[in-house]
Amino acid sequence: MSDHSIIDDLFPEIWLVTAKNRAPFGDAWIGPEKFVYGTHFLVARYSKSIGGDGQSVEVYENRLPARFWKIVVAEGFNSIGELQPAWTLATDLAETRTQSLSRTSQRE
């Protein structure tokens, strides 16, 4: 039995999306109705304001059952035409944990 099936049995509600989960994103919410263990889901997308200095952003969530976030900022140009590089900010050890579990399972 895998770690996540035990979690599924004990806490099935952790995979469900509630109004409280959607609230911080408002109309930008595009996430799933239900999460899957160890899978990144795109939950919100914000486009750059025309003529502004911001950049377009995608927000991902991963549940293991802890919630991990990854914000992916797209390359773009600021208001004076300078190129702004793409970058990622993540609280995400989840991907490493998932890969580690996969390698452990392969050794057994």
PDB file of N, CA and C in Angstrom:
ATOM      1  N   MET A   1       0.840  -1.175   0.000  1.00  0.00           N
ATOM      2  CA  MET A   1       0.000   0.000   0.000  1.00  0.00           C
ATOM      3  C   MET A   1       0.888   1.242   0.000  1.00  0.00           C
ATOM      4  N   SER A   2       0.560   2.206  -0.835  1.00  0.00           N
ATOM      5  CA  SER A   2       1.370   3.418  -0.918  1.00  0.00           C
ATOM      6  C   SER A   2       0.964   4.417   0.157  1.00  0.00           C
ATOM      7  N   ASP A   3       1.863   5.369   0.422  1.00  0.00           N
ATOM      8  CA  ASP A   3       1.589   6.411   1.410  1.00  0.00           C
ATOM      9  C   ASP A   3       0.295   7.150   1.117  1.00  0.00           C
ATOM     10  N   HIS A   4       0.076   7.473  -0.158  1.00  0.00           N
ATOM     11  CA  HIS A   4      -1.079   8.310  -0.455  1.00  0.00           C
ATOM     12  C   HIS A   4      -2.400   7.569  -0.350  1.00  0.00           C
ATOM     13  N   SER A   5      -2.463   6.265  -0.511  1.00  0.00           N
ATOM     14  CA  SER A   5      -3.746   5.578  -0.343  1.00  0.00           C
ATOM     15  C   SER A   5      -4.158   5.555   1.126  1.00  0.00           C
ATOM     16  N   ILE A   6      -3.208   5.524   2.042  1.00  0.00           N
ATOM     17  CA  ILE A   6      -3.514   5.637   3.470  1.00  0.00           C
ATOM     18  C   ILE A   6      -4.096   7.014   3.748  1.00  0.00           C
ATOM     19  N   ILE A   7      -3.488   8.035   3.182  1.00  0.00           N
ATOM     20  CA  ILE A   7      -3.973   9.408   3.351  1.00  0.00           C
ATOM     21  C   ILE A   7      -5.356   9.537   2.753  1.00  0.00           C
ATOM     22  N   ASP A   8      -5.581   8.960   1.566  1.00  0.00           N
ATOM     23  CA  ASP A   8      -6.901   8.998   0.929  1.00  0.00           C
ATOM     24  C   ASP A   8      -7.963   8.427   1.858  1.00  0.00           C
ATOM     25  N   ASP A   9      -7.640   7.309   2.506  1.00  0.00           N
ATOM     26  CA  ASP A   9      -8.599   6.649   3.398  1.00  0.00           C
ATOM     27  C   ASP A   9      -8.880   7.468   4.647  1.00  0.00           C
ATOM     28  N   LEU A  10      -7.831   8.064   5.219  1.00  0.00           N
ATOM     29  CA  LEU A  10      -7.987   8.799   6.470  1.00  0.00           C
ATOM     30  C   LEU A  10      -8.539  10.216   6.291  1.00  0.00           C
ATOM     31  N   PHE A  11      -8.154  10.873   5.209  1.00  0.00           N
ATOM     32  CA  PHE A  11      -8.509  12.284   5.016  1.00  0.00           C
ATOM     33  C   PHE A  11      -8.966  12.565   3.581  1.00  0.00           C
ATOM     34  N   PRO A  12     -10.056  11.967   3.129  1.00  0.00           N
ATOM     35  CA  PRO A  12     -10.453  12.166   1.727  1.00  0.00           C
ATOM     36  C   PRO A  12     -10.758  13.620   1.380  1.00  0.00           C
ATOM     37  N   GLU A  13     -11.128  14.427   2.371  1.00  0.00           N
ATOM     38  CA  GLU A  13     -11.501  15.819   2.096  1.00  0.00           C
ATOM     39  C   GLU A  13     -10.313  16.702   1.700  1.00  0.00           C
ATOM     40  N   ILE A  14      -9.080  16.256   1.973  1.00  0.00           N
ATOM     41  CA  ILE A  14      -7.930  17.112   1.635  1.00  0.00           C
ATOM     42  C   ILE A  14      -7.764  17.289   0.128  1.00  0.00           C
ATOM     43  N   TRP A  15      -8.351  16.424  -0.653  1.00  0.00           N
ATOM     44  CA  TRP A  15      -8.214  16.512  -2.109  1.00  0.00           C
ATOM     45  C   TRP A  15      -9.286  17.398  -2.738  1.00  0.00           C
ATOM     46  N   LEU A  16     -10.343  17.693  -1.967  1.00  0.00           N
ATOM     47  CA  LEU A  16     -11.459  18.475  -2.508  1.00  0.00           C
ATOM     48  C   LEU A  16     -11.169  19.965  -2.448  1.00  0.00           C
ATOM     49  N   VAL A  17     -11.691  20.693  -3.406  1.00  0.00           N
ATOM     50  CA  VAL A  17     -11.520  22.144  -3.466  1.00  0.00           C
ATOM     51  C   VAL A  17     -12.760  22.797  -2.875  1.00  0.00           C
ATOM     52  N   THR A  18     -12.540  23.738  -1.973  1.00  0.00           N
ATOM     53  CA  THR A  18     -13.648  24.445  -1.327  1.00  0.00           C
ATOM     54  C   THR A  18     -13.670  25.911  -1.758  1.00  0.00           C
ATOM     55  N   ALA A  19     -14.745  26.592  -1.409  1.00  0.00           N
ATOM     56  CA  ALA A  19     -14.849  28.028  -1.687  1.00  0.00           C
ATOM     57  C   ALA A  19     -13.712  28.778  -0.992  1.00  0.00           C
ATOM     58  N   LYS A  20     -13.317  28.304   0.181  1.00  0.00           N
ATOM     59  CA  LYS A  20     -12.214  28.928   0.920  1.00  0.00           C
ATOM     60  C   LYS A  20     -10.897  28.803   0.141  1.00  0.00           C
ATOM     61  N   ASN A  21     -10.697  27.675  -0.551  1.00  0.00           N
ATOM     62  CA  ASN A  21      -9.496  27.495  -1.379  1.00  0.00           C
ATOM     63  C   ASN A  21      -9.486  28.433  -2.575  1.00  0.00           C
ATOM     64  N   ARG A  22     -10.667  28.650  -3.167  1.00  0.00           N
ATOM     65  CA  ARG A  22     -10.786  29.482  -4.368  1.00  0.00           C
ATOM     66  C   ARG A  22     -10.725  30.984  -4.058  1.00  0.00           C
ATOM     67  N   ALA A  23     -11.169  31.369  -2.877  1.00  0.00           N
ATOM     68  CA  ALA A  23     -11.362  32.786  -2.523  1.00  0.00           C
ATOM     69  C   ALA A  23     -10.151  33.681  -2.800  1.00  0.00           C
ATOM     70  N   PRO A  24      -8.928  33.303  -2.423  1.00  0.00           N
ATOM     71  CA  PRO A  24      -7.802  34.215  -2.659  1.00  0.00           C
ATOM     72  C   PRO A  24      -7.551  34.525  -4.136  1.00  0.00           C
ATOM     73  N   PHE A  25      -8.033  33.672  -5.014  1.00  0.00           N
ATOM     74  CA  PHE A  25      -7.778  33.831  -6.442  1.00  0.00           C
ATOM     75  C   PHE A  25      -8.903  34.538  -7.181  1.00  0.00           C
ATOM     76  N   GLY A  26     -10.072  34.643  -6.558  1.00  0.00           N
ATOM     77  CA  GLY A  26     -11.214  35.301  -7.189  1.00  0.00           C
ATOM     78  C   GLY A  26     -11.531  34.696  -8.548  1.00  0.00           C
ATOM     79  N   ASP A  27     -11.758  35.566  -9.514  1.00  0.00           N
ATOM     80  CA  ASP A  27     -12.116  35.127 -10.870  1.00  0.00           C
ATOM     81  C   ASP A  27     -10.966  34.465 -11.616  1.00  0.00           C
ATOM     82  N   ALA A  28      -9.758  34.563 -11.086  1.00  0.00           N
ATOM     83  CA  ALA A  28      -8.598  33.950 -11.754  1.00  0.00           C
ATOM     84  C   ALA A  28      -8.525  32.443 -11.519  1.00  0.00           C
ATOM     85  N   TRP A  29      -9.343  31.888 -10.600  1.00  0.00           N
ATOM     86  CA  TRP A  29      -9.297  30.454 -10.294  1.00  0.00           C
ATOM     87  C   TRP A  29      -9.640  29.620 -11.529  1.00  0.00           C
ATOM     88  N   ILE A  30      -8.759  28.690 -11.887  1.00  0.00           N
ATOM     89  CA  ILE A  30      -9.004  27.762 -13.001  1.00  0.00           C
ATOM     90  C   ILE A  30      -8.606  26.338 -12.595  1.00  0.00           C
ATOM     91  N   GLY A  31      -8.487  26.108 -11.299  1.00  0.00           N
ATOM     92  CA  GLY A  31      -8.023  24.820 -10.791  1.00  0.00           C
ATOM     93  C   GLY A  31      -9.060  23.715 -10.898  1.00  0.00           C
ATOM     94  N   PRO A  32      -8.671  22.537 -10.460  1.00  0.00           N
ATOM     95  CA  PRO A  32      -9.546  21.365 -10.549  1.00  0.00           C
ATOM     96  C   PRO A  32     -10.605  21.379  -9.448  1.00  0.00           C
ATOM     97  N   GLU A  33     -11.565  20.497  -9.559  1.00  0.00           N
ATOM     98  CA  GLU A  33     -12.535  20.293  -8.482  1.00  0.00           C
ATOM     99  C   GLU A  33     -11.958  19.387  -7.401  1.00  0.00           C
ATOM    100  N   LYS A  34     -10.987  18.564  -7.815  1.00  0.00           N
ATOM    101  CA  LYS A  34     -10.367  17.618  -6.892  1.00  0.00           C
ATOM    102  C   LYS A  34      -8.892  17.471  -7.267  1.00  0.00           C
ATOM    103  N   PHE A  35      -8.041  17.475  -6.251  1.00  0.00           N
ATOM    104  CA  PHE A  35      -6.608  17.297  -6.474  1.00  0.00           C
ATOM    105  C   PHE A  35      -6.249  15.815  -6.460  1.00  0.00           C
ATOM    106  N   VAL A  36      -5.115  15.508  -7.061  1.00  0.00           N
ATOM    107  CA  VAL A  36      -4.572  14.160  -7.092  1.00  0.00           C
ATOM    108  C   VAL A  36      -3.212  14.203  -6.398  1.00  0.00           C
ATOM    109  N   TYR A  37      -2.934  13.239  -5.568  1.00  0.00           N
ATOM    110  CA  TYR A  37      -1.696  13.180  -4.799  1.00  0.00           C
ATOM    111  C   TYR A  37      -0.464  13.458  -5.660  1.00  0.00           C
ATOM    112  N   GLY A  38       0.351  14.422  -5.219  1.00  0.00           N
ATOM    113  CA  GLY A  38       1.643  14.664  -5.840  1.00  0.00           C
ATOM    114  C   GLY A  38       1.626  15.238  -7.240  1.00  0.00           C
ATOM    115  N   THR A  39       0.498  15.813  -7.664  1.00  0.00           N
ATOM    116  CA  THR A  39       0.377  16.333  -9.020  1.00  0.00           C
ATOM    117  C   THR A  39       0.233  17.852  -8.982  1.00  0.00           C
ATOM    118  N   HIS A  40       1.035  18.554  -9.767  1.00  0.00           N
ATOM    119  CA  HIS A  40       0.897  20.009  -9.879  1.00  0.00           C
ATOM    120  C   HIS A  40      -0.311  20.331 -10.746  1.00  0.00           C
ATOM    121  N   PHE A  41      -1.172  21.190 -10.238  1.00  0.00           N
ATOM    122  CA  PHE A  41      -2.320  21.658 -11.012  1.00  0.00           C
ATOM    123  C   PHE A  41      -2.234  23.164 -11.164  1.00  0.00           C
ATOM    124  N   LEU A  42      -2.474  23.642 -12.363  1.00  0.00           N
ATOM    125  CA  LEU A  42      -2.574  25.071 -12.597  1.00  0.00           C
ATOM    126  C   LEU A  42      -3.863  25.543 -11.944  1.00  0.00           C
ATOM    127  N   VAL A  43      -3.769  26.473 -10.981  1.00  0.00           N
ATOM    128  CA  VAL A  43      -4.963  26.921 -10.262  1.00  0.00           C
ATOM    129  C   VAL A  43      -5.349  28.362 -10.581  1.00  0.00           C
ATOM    130  N   ALA A  44      -4.418  29.154 -11.089  1.00  0.00           N
ATOM    131  CA  ALA A  44      -4.748  30.541 -11.442  1.00  0.00           C
ATOM    132  C   ALA A  44      -3.757  31.053 -12.483  1.00  0.00           C
ATOM    133  N   ARG A  45      -4.249  31.972 -13.283  1.00  0.00           N
ATOM    134  CA  ARG A  45      -3.407  32.609 -14.302  1.00  0.00           C
ATOM    135  C   ARG A  45      -3.723  34.100 -14.287  1.00  0.00           C
ATOM    136  N   TYR A  46      -2.670  34.895 -14.211  1.00  0.00           N
ATOM    137  CA  TYR A  46      -2.811  36.347 -14.207  1.00  0.00           C
ATOM    138  C   TYR A  46      -2.012  36.899 -15.383  1.00  0.00           C
ATOM    139  N   SER A  47      -2.664  37.697 -16.220  1.00  0.00           N
ATOM    140  CA  SER A  47      -1.993  38.283 -17.381  1.00  0.00           C
ATOM    141  C   SER A  47      -1.413  39.638 -17.016  1.00  0.00           C
ATOM    142  N   LYS A  48      -0.336  39.970 -17.686  1.00  0.00           N
ATOM    143  CA  LYS A  48       0.311  41.266 -17.495  1.00  0.00           C
ATOM    144  C   LYS A  48      -0.655  42.372 -17.904  1.00  0.00           C
ATOM    145  N   SER A  49      -0.681  43.436 -17.134  1.00  0.00           N
ATOM    146  CA  SER A  49      -1.477  44.610 -17.500  1.00  0.00           C
ATOM    147  C   SER A  49      -0.790  45.312 -18.672  1.00  0.00           C
ATOM    148  N   ILE A  50      -1.545  45.698 -19.646  1.00  0.00           N
ATOM    149  CA  ILE A  50      -0.986  46.364 -20.821  1.00  0.00           C
ATOM    150  C   ILE A  50      -0.290  47.655 -20.385  1.00  0.00           C
ATOM    151  N   GLY A  51       0.959  47.801 -20.814  1.00  0.00           N
ATOM    152  CA  GLY A  51       1.734  48.982 -20.506  1.00  0.00           C
ATOM    153  C   GLY A  51       2.338  49.008 -19.110  1.00  0.00           C
ATOM    154  N   GLY A  52       2.060  47.985 -18.326  1.00  0.00           N
ATOM    155  CA  GLY A  52       2.576  47.950 -16.960  1.00  0.00           C
ATOM    156  C   GLY A  52       3.949  47.321 -16.862  1.00  0.00           C
ATOM    157  N   ASP A  53       4.481  47.331 -15.650  1.00  0.00           N
ATOM    158  CA  ASP A  53       5.792  46.733 -15.406  1.00  0.00           C
ATOM    159  C   ASP A  53       5.693  45.294 -14.921  1.00  0.00           C
ATOM    160  N   GLY A  54       4.512  44.791 -14.718  1.00  0.00           N
ATOM    161  CA  GLY A  54       4.348  43.427 -14.232  1.00  0.00           C
ATOM    162  C   GLY A  54       4.615  42.391 -15.308  1.00  0.00           C
ATOM    163  N   GLN A  55       4.508  41.133 -14.919  1.00  0.00           N
ATOM    164  CA  GLN A  55       4.685  40.020 -15.841  1.00  0.00           C
ATOM    165  C   GLN A  55       3.522  39.052 -15.655  1.00  0.00           C
ATOM    166  N   SER A  56       3.221  38.305 -16.691  1.00  0.00           N
ATOM    167  CA  SER A  56       2.177  37.284 -16.592  1.00  0.00           C
ATOM    168  C   SER A  56       2.643  36.185 -15.651  1.00  0.00           C
ATOM    169  N   VAL A  57       1.689  35.617 -14.901  1.00  0.00           N
ATOM    170  CA  VAL A  57       2.019  34.646 -13.860  1.00  0.00           C
ATOM    171  C   VAL A  57       1.046  33.481 -13.904  1.00  0.00           C
ATOM    172  N   GLU A  58       1.576  32.274 -13.676  1.00  0.00           N
ATOM    173  CA  GLU A  58       0.750  31.087 -13.465  1.00  0.00           C
ATOM    174  C   GLU A  58       1.030  30.572 -12.064  1.00  0.00           C
ATOM    175  N   VAL A  59      -0.031  30.174 -11.348  1.00  0.00           N
ATOM    176  CA  VAL A  59       0.103  29.657  -9.992  1.00  0.00           C
ATOM    177  C   VAL A  59      -0.315  28.185 -10.010  1.00  0.00           C
ATOM    178  N   TYR A  60       0.551  27.334  -9.455  1.00  0.00           N
ATOM    179  CA  TYR A  60       0.298  25.895  -9.382  1.00  0.00           C
ATOM    180  C   TYR A  60       0.196  25.469  -7.926  1.00  0.00           C
ATOM    181  N   GLU A  61      -0.631  24.468  -7.682  1.00  0.00           N
ATOM    182  CA  GLU A  61      -0.748  23.893  -6.343  1.00  0.00           C
ATOM    183  C   GLU A  61      -0.544  22.389  -6.430  1.00  0.00           C
ATOM    184  N   ASN A  62       0.094  21.856  -5.404  1.00  0.00           N
ATOM    185  CA  ASN A  62       0.354  20.422  -5.291  1.00  0.00           C
ATOM    186  C   ASN A  62       0.003  20.025  -3.858  1.00  0.00           C
ATOM    187  N   ARG A  63      -0.735  18.945  -3.680  1.00  0.00           N
ATOM    188  CA  ARG A  63      -1.111  18.488  -2.341  1.00  0.00           C
ATOM    189  C   ARG A  63      -0.540  17.100  -2.086  1.00  0.00           C
ATOM    190  N   LEU A  64       0.035  16.969  -0.876  1.00  0.00           N
ATOM    191  CA  LEU A  64       0.721  15.707  -0.547  1.00  0.00           C
ATOM    192  C   LEU A  64       0.463  15.102   0.823  1.00  0.00           C
ATOM    193  N   PRO A  65      -0.269  15.414   1.725  1.00  0.00           N
ATOM    194  CA  PRO A  65      -1.416  16.289   1.782  1.00  0.00           C
ATOM    195  C   PRO A  65      -1.084  17.742   2.098  1.00  0.00           C
ATOM    196  N   ALA A  66       0.121  18.069   2.535  1.00  0.00           N
ATOM    197  CA  ALA A  66       0.476  19.482   2.711  1.00  0.00           C
ATOM    198  C   ALA A  66       0.329  20.178   1.367  1.00  0.00           C
ATOM    199  N   ARG A  67       0.053  21.455   1.397  1.00  0.00           N
ATOM    200  CA  ARG A  67      -0.130  22.205   0.159  1.00  0.00           C
ATOM    201  C   ARG A  67       1.176  22.910  -0.192  1.00  0.00           C
ATOM    202  N   PHE A  68       1.605  22.717  -1.426  1.00  0.00           N
ATOM    203  CA  PHE A  68       2.818  23.335  -1.937  1.00  0.00           C
ATOM    204  C   PHE A  68       2.442  24.220  -3.113  1.00  0.00           C
ATOM    205  N   TRP A  69       3.168  25.318  -3.267  1.00  0.00           N
ATOM    206  CA  TRP A  69       2.859  26.289  -4.305  1.00  0.00           C
ATOM    207  C   TRP A  69       4.058  26.506  -5.210  1.00  0.00           C
ATOM    208  N   LYS A  70       3.758  26.760  -6.467  1.00  0.00           N
ATOM    209  CA  LYS A  70       4.787  27.133  -7.423  1.00  0.00           C
ATOM    210  C   LYS A  70       4.217  28.286  -8.253  1.00  0.00           C
ATOM    211  N   ILE A  71       4.963  29.381  -8.304  1.00  0.00           N
ATOM    212  CA  ILE A  71       4.564  30.539  -9.093  1.00  0.00           C
ATOM    213  C   ILE A  71       5.552  30.657 -10.249  1.00  0.00           C
ATOM    214  N   VAL A  72       5.027  30.598 -11.447  1.00  0.00           N
ATOM    215  CA  VAL A  72       5.850  30.654 -12.651  1.00  0.00           C
ATOM    216  C   VAL A  72       5.586  31.994 -13.337  1.00  0.00           C
ATOM    217  N   VAL A  73       6.617  32.815 -13.403  1.00  0.00           N
ATOM    218  CA  VAL A  73       6.520  34.150 -13.991  1.00  0.00           C
ATOM    219  C   VAL A  73       7.076  34.094 -15.409  1.00  0.00           C
ATOM    220  N   ALA A  74       6.268  34.533 -16.361  1.00  0.00           N
ATOM    221  CA  ALA A  74       6.671  34.480 -17.770  1.00  0.00           C
ATOM    222  C   ALA A  74       7.618  35.622 -18.120  1.00  0.00           C
ATOM    223  N   GLU A  75       8.481  35.373 -19.067  1.00  0.00           N
ATOM    224  CA  GLU A  75       9.333  36.421 -19.613  1.00  0.00           C
ATOM    225  C   GLU A  75       8.440  37.483 -20.248  1.00  0.00           C
ATOM    226  N   GLY A  76       8.844  38.724 -20.138  1.00  0.00           N
ATOM    227  CA  GLY A  76       8.058  39.797 -20.742  1.00  0.00           C
ATOM    228  C   GLY A  76       8.846  41.087 -20.743  1.00  0.00           C
ATOM    229  N   PHE A  77       8.205  42.143 -21.204  1.00  0.00           N
ATOM    230  CA  PHE A  77       8.850  43.452 -21.289  1.00  0.00           C
ATOM    231  C   PHE A  77       8.185  44.411 -20.323  1.00  0.00           C
ATOM    232  N   ASN A  78       8.979  45.271 -19.696  1.00  0.00           N
ATOM    233  CA  ASN A  78       8.412  46.272 -18.802  1.00  0.00           C
ATOM    234  C   ASN A  78       7.899  47.459 -19.617  1.00  0.00           C
ATOM    235  N   SER A  79       7.459  48.516 -18.917  1.00  0.00           N
ATOM    236  CA  SER A  79       6.822  49.650 -19.591  1.00  0.00           C
ATOM    237  C   SER A  79       7.758  50.457 -20.485  1.00  0.00           C
ATOM    238  N   ILE A  80       9.071  50.282 -20.323  1.00  0.00           N
ATOM    239  CA  ILE A  80      10.015  51.001 -21.200  1.00  0.00           C
ATOM    240  C   ILE A  80      10.727  50.054 -22.172  1.00  0.00           C
ATOM    241  N   GLY A  81      10.177  48.846 -22.309  1.00  0.00           N
ATOM    242  CA  GLY A  81      10.669  47.918 -23.318  1.00  0.00           C
ATOM    243  C   GLY A  81      11.835  47.038 -22.915  1.00  0.00           C
ATOM    244  N   GLU A  82      12.239  47.072 -21.664  1.00  0.00           N
ATOM    245  CA  GLU A  82      13.334  46.205 -21.214  1.00  0.00           C
ATOM    246  C   GLU A  82      12.814  44.792 -20.975  1.00  0.00           C
ATOM    247  N   LEU A  83      13.591  43.822 -21.419  1.00  0.00           N
ATOM    248  CA  LEU A  83      13.222  42.419 -21.237  1.00  0.00           C
ATOM    249  C   LEU A  83      13.337  42.035 -19.760  1.00  0.00           C
ATOM    250  N   GLN A  84      12.278  41.437 -19.239  1.00  0.00           N
ATOM    251  CA  GLN A  84      12.267  40.917 -17.870  1.00  0.00           C
ATOM    252  C   GLN A  84      12.298  39.389 -17.961  1.00  0.00           C
ATOM    253  N   PRO A  85      13.277  38.750 -17.351  1.00  0.00           N
ATOM    254  CA  PRO A  85      13.418  37.290 -17.499  1.00  0.00           C
ATOM    255  C   PRO A  85      12.308  36.512 -16.785  1.00  0.00           C
ATOM    256  N   ALA A  86      12.099  35.309 -17.257  1.00  0.00           N
ATOM    257  CA  ALA A  86      11.176  34.388 -16.587  1.00  0.00           C
ATOM    258  C   ALA A  86      11.847  33.859 -15.324  1.00  0.00           C
ATOM    259  N   TRP A  87      11.045  33.499 -14.331  1.00  0.00           N
ATOM    260  CA  TRP A  87      11.581  32.906 -13.108  1.00  0.00           C
ATOM    261  C   TRP A  87      10.487  32.137 -12.404  1.00  0.00           C
ATOM    262  N   THR A  88      10.881  31.297 -11.455  1.00  0.00           N
ATOM    263  CA  THR A  88       9.941  30.475 -10.701  1.00  0.00           C
ATOM    264  C   THR A  88      10.247  30.599  -9.219  1.00  0.00           C
ATOM    265  N   LEU A  89       9.193  30.704  -8.434  1.00  0.00           N
ATOM    266  CA  LEU A  89       9.281  30.721  -6.986  1.00  0.00           C
ATOM    267  C   LEU A  89       8.465  29.535  -6.491  1.00  0.00           C
ATOM    268  N   ALA A  90       9.062  28.677  -5.665  1.00  0.00           N
ATOM    269  CA  ALA A  90       8.341  27.483  -5.229  1.00  0.00           C
ATOM    270  C   ALA A  90       8.584  27.189  -3.755  1.00  0.00           C
ATOM    271  N   THR A  91       7.533  26.703  -3.116  1.00  0.00           N
ATOM    272  CA  THR A  91       7.640  26.177  -1.757  1.00  0.00           C
ATOM    273  C   THR A  91       7.632  24.669  -1.859  1.00  0.00           C
ATOM    274  N   ASP A  92       8.057  24.176  -2.999  1.00  0.00           N
ATOM    275  CA  ASP A  92       7.728  22.840  -3.453  1.00  0.00           C
ATOM    276  C   ASP A  92       8.834  21.817  -3.267  1.00  0.00           C
ATOM    277  N   LEU A  93       8.835  21.186  -2.128  1.00  0.00           N
ATOM    278  CA  LEU A  93       9.650  19.998  -1.952  1.00  0.00           C
ATOM    279  C   LEU A  93       8.851  18.779  -2.379  1.00  0.00           C
ATOM    280  N   ALA A  94       7.594  19.014  -2.720  1.00  0.00           N
ATOM    281  CA  ALA A  94       6.686  17.925  -3.079  1.00  0.00           C
ATOM    282  C   ALA A  94       7.199  17.135  -4.274  1.00  0.00           C
ATOM    283  N   GLU A  95       7.698  17.820  -5.274  1.00  0.00           N
ATOM    284  CA  GLU A  95       8.187  17.126  -6.471  1.00  0.00           C
ATOM    285  C   GLU A  95       9.355  16.219  -6.110  1.00  0.00           C
ATOM    286  N   THR A  96      10.243  16.712  -5.276  1.00  0.00           N
ATOM    287  CA  THR A  96      11.375  15.911  -4.824  1.00  0.00           C
ATOM    288  C   THR A  96      10.889  14.701  -4.043  1.00  0.00           C
ATOM    289  N   ARG A  97       9.916  14.908  -3.166  1.00  0.00           N
ATOM    290  CA  ARG A  97       9.353  13.812  -2.356  1.00  0.00           C
ATOM    291  C   ARG A  97       8.706  12.770  -3.263  1.00  0.00           C
ATOM    292  N   THR A  98       7.940  13.198  -4.246  1.00  0.00           N
ATOM    293  CA  THR A  98       7.285  12.268  -5.169  1.00  0.00           C
ATOM    294  C   THR A  98       8.325  11.461  -5.934  1.00  0.00           C
ATOM    295  N   GLN A  99       9.374  12.114  -6.417  1.00  0.00           N
ATOM    296  CA  GLN A  99      10.423  11.407  -7.141  1.00  0.00           C
ATOM    297  C   GLN A  99      11.141  10.433  -6.214  1.00  0.00           C
ATOM    298  N   SER A 100      11.359  10.825  -4.973  1.00  0.00           N
ATOM    299  CA  SER A 100      12.018   9.966  -4.001  1.00  0.00           C
ATOM    300  C   SER A 100      11.187   8.724  -3.725  1.00  0.00           C
ATOM    301  N   LEU A 101       9.872   8.902  -3.548  1.00  0.00           N
ATOM    302  CA  LEU A 101       8.989   7.753  -3.325  1.00  0.00           C
ATOM    303  C   LEU A 101       9.018   6.810  -4.518  1.00  0.00           C
ATOM    304  N   SER A 102       9.044   7.379  -5.715  1.00  0.00           N
ATOM    305  CA  SER A 102       9.080   6.574  -6.926  1.00  0.00           C
ATOM    306  C   SER A 102      10.373   5.747  -6.987  1.00  0.00           C
ATOM    307  N   ARG A 103      11.506   6.357  -6.663  1.00  0.00           N
ATOM    308  CA  ARG A 103      12.767   5.630  -6.708  1.00  0.00           C
ATOM    309  C   ARG A 103      12.789   4.531  -5.619  1.00  0.00           C
ATOM    310  N   THR A 104      12.221   4.841  -4.446  1.00  0.00           N
ATOM    311  CA  THR A 104      12.187   3.849  -3.359  1.00  0.00           C
ATOM    312  C   THR A 104      11.338   2.665  -3.783  1.00  0.00           C
ATOM    313  N   SER A 105      10.191   2.920  -4.417  1.00  0.00           N
ATOM    314  CA  SER A 105       9.324   1.844  -4.860  1.00  0.00           C
ATOM    315  C   SER A 105      10.009   0.954  -5.896  1.00  0.00           C
ATOM    316  N   GLN A 106      10.824   1.557  -6.760  1.00  0.00           N
ATOM    317  CA  GLN A 106      11.506   0.800  -7.802  1.00  0.00           C
ATOM    318  C   GLN A 106      12.558  -0.135  -7.202  1.00  0.00           C
ATOM    319  N   ARG A 107      13.136   0.236  -6.047  1.00  0.00           N
ATOM    320  CA  ARG A 107      14.146  -0.593  -5.419  1.00  0.00           C
ATOM    321  C   ARG A 107      13.554  -1.781  -4.668  1.00  0.00           C
ATOM    322  N   GLU A 108      12.287  -1.659  -4.286  1.00  0.00           N
ATOM    323  CA  GLU A 108      11.662  -2.732  -3.476  1.00  0.00           C
ATOM    324  C   GLU A 108      11.279  -3.933  -4.307  1.00  0.00           C
TER     325      GLU A 108
END
